[in-house]
Amino acid sequence: MDLVEEREDQEGINSKSEALRSLLDEYQDLRTECDELRKESEELRTTTERLRNEKRLILQDREEKKELVRYVEDERTAEQRWRQAGLGTRLSGRRSLSTPVPIVTPE
């Protein structure tokens, strides 16, 4: 039994032309639905790719901020150690930087 005869039996259609018309209508509806699903699928792929890129950029930004925080914390710790050092230590540190170093030449 072919599709046209099955359609005649299923829907109680009396002619082959009506059954064929019914099959063609169903085919067209399925094609339209298929096209819509393809379009939706492509839109979802595009959205997924955009979201992946955004996620990558956010993670990159977060890592850069973590590095900056570590740097600032290190600098703050160094400054706190310097402040907590005694006055003599601070002055000797400055003197050693500003005192000229004698140049020794081999004889």
N, C-alpha and C. Protein backbone atom coordinates (compact mmCIF):
# COMPACT_ATOMS: atom_id res chain seq x y z
N MET A 1 0.85 -1.17 0.00
CA MET A 1 0.00 0.00 0.00
C MET A 1 0.90 1.24 0.00
N ASP A 2 0.64 2.17 -0.88
CA ASP A 2 1.47 3.38 -0.94
C ASP A 2 0.90 4.46 -0.03
N LEU A 3 1.64 5.56 0.08
CA LEU A 3 1.27 6.65 0.99
C LEU A 3 -0.09 7.25 0.66
N VAL A 4 -0.41 7.36 -0.62
CA VAL A 4 -1.68 7.96 -1.03
C VAL A 4 -2.84 7.09 -0.53
N GLU A 5 -2.71 5.78 -0.70
CA GLU A 5 -3.77 4.88 -0.24
C GLU A 5 -3.86 4.88 1.28
N GLU A 6 -2.72 4.94 1.95
CA GLU A 6 -2.75 5.01 3.42
C GLU A 6 -3.46 6.27 3.88
N ARG A 7 -3.18 7.37 3.19
CA ARG A 7 -3.82 8.64 3.56
C ARG A 7 -5.32 8.56 3.32
N GLU A 8 -5.72 7.93 2.24
CA GLU A 8 -7.16 7.77 1.98
C GLU A 8 -7.82 6.99 3.12
N ASP A 9 -7.16 5.92 3.54
CA ASP A 9 -7.72 5.09 4.61
C ASP A 9 -7.72 5.83 5.95
N GLN A 10 -6.63 6.54 6.29
CA GLN A 10 -6.50 7.21 7.58
C GLN A 10 -7.50 8.35 7.75
N GLU A 11 -7.69 9.11 6.71
CA GLU A 11 -8.52 10.31 6.83
C GLU A 11 -9.90 10.14 6.20
N GLY A 12 -10.16 8.97 5.70
CA GLY A 12 -11.47 8.72 5.08
C GLY A 12 -11.68 9.54 3.83
N ILE A 13 -10.61 9.75 3.08
CA ILE A 13 -10.68 10.54 1.85
C ILE A 13 -11.14 9.62 0.71
N ASN A 14 -11.99 10.14 -0.17
CA ASN A 14 -12.58 9.32 -1.23
C ASN A 14 -11.81 9.35 -2.54
N SER A 15 -10.87 10.27 -2.72
CA SER A 15 -10.17 10.31 -4.00
C SER A 15 -8.66 10.38 -3.79
N LYS A 16 -7.95 9.85 -4.75
CA LYS A 16 -6.49 9.87 -4.69
C LYS A 16 -5.95 11.30 -4.76
N SER A 17 -6.61 12.16 -5.53
CA SER A 17 -6.13 13.53 -5.65
C SER A 17 -6.23 14.28 -4.32
N GLU A 18 -7.31 14.05 -3.55
CA GLU A 18 -7.42 14.67 -2.23
C GLU A 18 -6.37 14.13 -1.28
N ALA A 19 -6.12 12.84 -1.34
CA ALA A 19 -5.11 12.22 -0.48
C ALA A 19 -3.73 12.77 -0.83
N LEU A 20 -3.45 12.91 -2.13
CA LEU A 20 -2.17 13.46 -2.57
C LEU A 20 -2.04 14.92 -2.13
N ARG A 21 -3.08 15.70 -2.25
CA ARG A 21 -3.08 17.09 -1.80
C ARG A 21 -2.81 17.16 -0.29
N SER A 22 -3.42 16.28 0.46
CA SER A 22 -3.21 16.23 1.91
C SER A 22 -1.75 15.90 2.23
N LEU A 23 -1.17 14.96 1.52
CA LEU A 23 0.24 14.61 1.72
C LEU A 23 1.16 15.77 1.36
N LEU A 24 0.86 16.46 0.28
CA LEU A 24 1.68 17.60 -0.13
C LEU A 24 1.58 18.74 0.88
N ASP A 25 0.39 18.97 1.42
CA ASP A 25 0.23 20.00 2.46
C ASP A 25 1.05 19.65 3.70
N GLU A 26 0.97 18.38 4.10
CA GLU A 26 1.75 17.94 5.26
C GLU A 26 3.24 18.09 4.98
N TYR A 27 3.67 17.73 3.76
CA TYR A 27 5.07 17.85 3.38
C TYR A 27 5.52 19.32 3.47
N GLN A 28 4.71 20.22 2.95
CA GLN A 28 5.05 21.64 2.98
C GLN A 28 5.13 22.14 4.42
N ASP A 29 4.20 21.71 5.26
CA ASP A 29 4.24 22.10 6.67
C ASP A 29 5.53 21.60 7.34
N LEU A 30 5.91 20.38 7.03
CA LEU A 30 7.13 19.81 7.60
C LEU A 30 8.37 20.55 7.09
N ARG A 31 8.37 20.92 5.83
CA ARG A 31 9.51 21.69 5.29
C ARG A 31 9.63 23.04 5.99
N THR A 32 8.51 23.70 6.18
CA THR A 32 8.49 24.99 6.85
C THR A 32 9.01 24.84 8.28
N GLU A 33 8.52 23.83 8.98
CA GLU A 33 8.98 23.59 10.36
C GLU A 33 10.48 23.28 10.38
N CYS A 34 10.94 22.49 9.42
CA CYS A 34 12.35 22.16 9.33
C CYS A 34 13.20 23.43 9.12
N ASP A 35 12.77 24.29 8.22
CA ASP A 35 13.49 25.55 7.97
C ASP A 35 13.54 26.42 9.23
N GLU A 36 12.43 26.49 9.95
CA GLU A 36 12.39 27.28 11.19
C GLU A 36 13.34 26.69 12.23
N LEU A 37 13.37 25.37 12.34
CA LEU A 37 14.27 24.72 13.30
C LEU A 37 15.73 24.92 12.92
N ARG A 38 16.04 24.89 11.64
CA ARG A 38 17.41 25.17 11.20
C ARG A 38 17.83 26.59 11.57
N LYS A 39 16.92 27.53 11.32
CA LYS A 39 17.21 28.92 11.65
C LYS A 39 17.42 29.08 13.16
N GLU A 40 16.55 28.47 13.96
CA GLU A 40 16.68 28.54 15.41
C GLU A 40 17.99 27.89 15.87
N SER A 41 18.34 26.77 15.25
CA SER A 41 19.59 26.09 15.59
C SER A 41 20.79 26.99 15.31
N GLU A 42 20.79 27.66 14.18
CA GLU A 42 21.89 28.56 13.83
C GLU A 42 21.97 29.73 14.81
N GLU A 43 20.82 30.27 15.19
CA GLU A 43 20.80 31.36 16.16
C GLU A 43 21.36 30.90 17.51
N LEU A 44 21.02 29.68 17.90
CA LEU A 44 21.53 29.14 19.16
C LEU A 44 23.04 28.91 19.09
N ARG A 45 23.53 28.45 17.95
CA ARG A 45 24.98 28.29 17.80
C ARG A 45 25.69 29.64 17.91
N THR A 46 25.13 30.64 17.27
CA THR A 46 25.72 31.98 17.32
C THR A 46 25.72 32.52 18.75
N THR A 47 24.61 32.33 19.44
CA THR A 47 24.52 32.79 20.83
C THR A 47 25.51 32.05 21.70
N THR A 48 25.63 30.75 21.49
CA THR A 48 26.58 29.94 22.27
C THR A 48 28.00 30.43 22.06
N GLU A 49 28.37 30.70 20.82
CA GLU A 49 29.71 31.18 20.51
C GLU A 49 29.97 32.55 21.15
N ARG A 50 28.97 33.42 21.08
CA ARG A 50 29.10 34.75 21.70
C ARG A 50 29.29 34.63 23.20
N LEU A 51 28.51 33.76 23.83
CA LEU A 51 28.61 33.58 25.28
C LEU A 51 29.96 32.96 25.67
N ARG A 52 30.46 32.05 24.86
CA ARG A 52 31.79 31.48 25.13
C ARG A 52 32.87 32.56 25.06
N ASN A 53 32.77 33.42 24.07
CA ASN A 53 33.74 34.51 23.94
C ASN A 53 33.64 35.46 25.14
N GLU A 54 32.42 35.79 25.54
CA GLU A 54 32.24 36.67 26.69
C GLU A 54 32.81 36.03 27.95
N LYS A 55 32.56 34.75 28.12
CA LYS A 55 33.09 34.02 29.28
C LYS A 55 34.62 34.06 29.29
N ARG A 56 35.22 33.82 28.14
CA ARG A 56 36.68 33.83 28.04
C ARG A 56 37.22 35.20 28.43
N LEU A 57 36.58 36.26 27.93
CA LEU A 57 37.02 37.63 28.26
C LEU A 57 36.84 37.93 29.75
N ILE A 58 35.75 37.48 30.33
CA ILE A 58 35.51 37.70 31.76
C ILE A 58 36.56 36.98 32.59
N LEU A 59 36.88 35.73 32.22
CA LEU A 59 37.90 34.98 32.95
C LEU A 59 39.27 35.63 32.81
N GLN A 60 39.56 36.12 31.62
CA GLN A 60 40.83 36.83 31.40
C GLN A 60 40.90 38.08 32.28
N ASP A 61 39.82 38.83 32.28
CA ASP A 61 39.76 40.06 33.08
C ASP A 61 39.92 39.74 34.57
N ARG A 62 39.26 38.67 35.00
CA ARG A 62 39.37 38.28 36.41
C ARG A 62 40.81 37.93 36.77
N GLU A 63 41.49 37.20 35.89
CA GLU A 63 42.88 36.83 36.16
C GLU A 63 43.78 38.06 36.21
N GLU A 64 43.56 39.01 35.32
CA GLU A 64 44.35 40.25 35.34
C GLU A 64 44.11 41.02 36.63
N LYS A 65 42.87 41.05 37.10
CA LYS A 65 42.57 41.75 38.35
C LYS A 65 43.20 41.04 39.53
N LYS A 66 43.22 39.71 39.51
CA LYS A 66 43.88 38.97 40.59
C LYS A 66 45.37 39.29 40.63
N GLU A 67 45.98 39.36 39.45
CA GLU A 67 47.40 39.71 39.39
C GLU A 67 47.64 41.12 39.94
N LEU A 68 46.77 42.03 39.59
CA LEU A 68 46.90 43.40 40.09
C LEU A 68 46.74 43.44 41.61
N VAL A 69 45.79 42.70 42.13
CA VAL A 69 45.59 42.65 43.59
C VAL A 69 46.83 42.08 44.26
N ARG A 70 47.41 41.01 43.71
CA ARG A 70 48.63 40.43 44.29
C ARG A 70 49.76 41.46 44.28
N TYR A 71 49.90 42.18 43.19
CA TYR A 71 50.95 43.20 43.09
C TYR A 71 50.75 44.29 44.15
N VAL A 72 49.52 44.79 44.26
CA VAL A 72 49.23 45.85 45.23
C VAL A 72 49.48 45.34 46.65
N GLU A 73 49.06 44.12 46.94
CA GLU A 73 49.29 43.57 48.27
C GLU A 73 50.78 43.44 48.56
N ASP A 74 51.56 43.00 47.58
CA ASP A 74 53.01 42.90 47.76
C ASP A 74 53.62 44.27 48.03
N GLU A 75 53.20 45.27 47.26
CA GLU A 75 53.71 46.63 47.45
C GLU A 75 53.31 47.17 48.83
N ARG A 76 52.09 46.91 49.23
CA ARG A 76 51.61 47.39 50.52
C ARG A 76 52.41 46.72 51.65
N THR A 77 52.67 45.43 51.50
CA THR A 77 53.45 44.72 52.51
C THR A 77 54.86 45.29 52.60
N ALA A 78 55.48 45.57 51.47
CA ALA A 78 56.83 46.14 51.47
C ALA A 78 56.83 47.51 52.13
N GLU A 79 55.81 48.31 51.84
CA GLU A 79 55.72 49.64 52.45
C GLU A 79 55.49 49.54 53.95
N GLN A 80 54.68 48.60 54.39
CA GLN A 80 54.44 48.42 55.82
C GLN A 80 55.72 47.98 56.53
N ARG A 81 56.49 47.09 55.91
CA ARG A 81 57.77 46.67 56.52
C ARG A 81 58.70 47.86 56.65
N TRP A 82 58.74 48.71 55.63
CA TRP A 82 59.61 49.88 55.66
C TRP A 82 59.18 50.83 56.77
N ARG A 83 57.86 51.03 56.91
CA ARG A 83 57.34 51.92 57.96
C ARG A 83 57.61 51.37 59.35
N GLN A 84 57.53 50.05 59.48
CA GLN A 84 57.73 49.43 60.78
C GLN A 84 59.21 49.33 61.15
N ALA A 85 60.07 49.45 60.16
CA ALA A 85 61.50 49.39 60.45
C ALA A 85 61.87 50.61 61.29
N GLY A 86 62.89 50.46 62.08
CA GLY A 86 63.33 51.57 62.93
C GLY A 86 63.86 52.71 62.08
N LEU A 87 63.91 53.89 62.67
CA LEU A 87 64.41 55.09 61.99
C LEU A 87 65.84 54.88 61.51
N GLY A 88 66.65 54.25 62.32
CA GLY A 88 68.05 54.01 61.94
C GLY A 88 68.14 53.13 60.70
N THR A 89 67.30 52.13 60.64
CA THR A 89 67.31 51.23 59.48
C THR A 89 66.89 51.99 58.22
N ARG A 90 65.88 52.81 58.38
CA ARG A 90 65.41 53.58 57.22
C ARG A 90 66.47 54.57 56.76
N LEU A 91 67.11 55.26 57.72
CA LEU A 91 68.13 56.23 57.34
C LEU A 91 69.34 55.55 56.73
N SER A 92 69.76 54.42 57.30
CA SER A 92 70.92 53.74 56.72
C SER A 92 70.59 53.21 55.33
N GLY A 93 69.36 52.84 55.13
CA GLY A 93 68.96 52.40 53.79
C GLY A 93 69.03 53.54 52.80
N ARG A 94 68.62 54.72 53.25
CA ARG A 94 68.67 55.89 52.36
C ARG A 94 70.11 56.32 52.13
N ARG A 95 70.91 56.28 53.20
CA ARG A 95 72.29 56.73 53.08
C ARG A 95 73.04 55.83 52.10
N SER A 96 72.77 54.53 52.19
CA SER A 96 73.50 53.62 51.30
C SER A 96 73.13 53.86 49.84
N LEU A 97 71.93 54.37 49.63
CA LEU A 97 71.53 54.64 48.25
C LEU A 97 72.11 55.96 47.75
N SER A 98 72.29 56.92 48.67
CA SER A 98 72.76 58.24 48.24
C SER A 98 74.27 58.42 48.42
N THR A 99 74.92 57.55 49.19
CA THR A 99 76.36 57.68 49.41
C THR A 99 77.10 57.15 48.19
N PRO A 100 78.04 57.94 47.67
CA PRO A 100 78.75 57.47 46.50
C PRO A 100 79.61 56.25 46.84
N VAL A 101 79.71 55.38 45.92
CA VAL A 101 80.51 54.16 46.09
C VAL A 101 81.87 54.44 45.48
N PRO A 102 82.95 54.23 46.27
CA PRO A 102 84.28 54.49 45.74
C PRO A 102 84.60 53.50 44.61
N ILE A 103 85.24 53.99 43.62
CA ILE A 103 85.65 53.15 42.49
C ILE A 103 87.09 52.73 42.71
N VAL A 104 87.31 51.46 42.73
CA VAL A 104 88.65 50.92 42.94
C VAL A 104 89.15 50.44 41.60
N THR A 105 90.32 50.97 41.24
CA THR A 105 90.90 50.56 39.97
C THR A 105 92.07 49.60 40.24
N PRO A 106 92.22 48.56 39.49
CA PRO A 106 93.32 47.64 39.70
C PRO A 106 94.66 48.31 39.35
N GLU A 107 95.68 48.04 40.16
CA GLU A 107 96.98 48.70 39.97
C GLU A 107 97.92 47.86 39.17
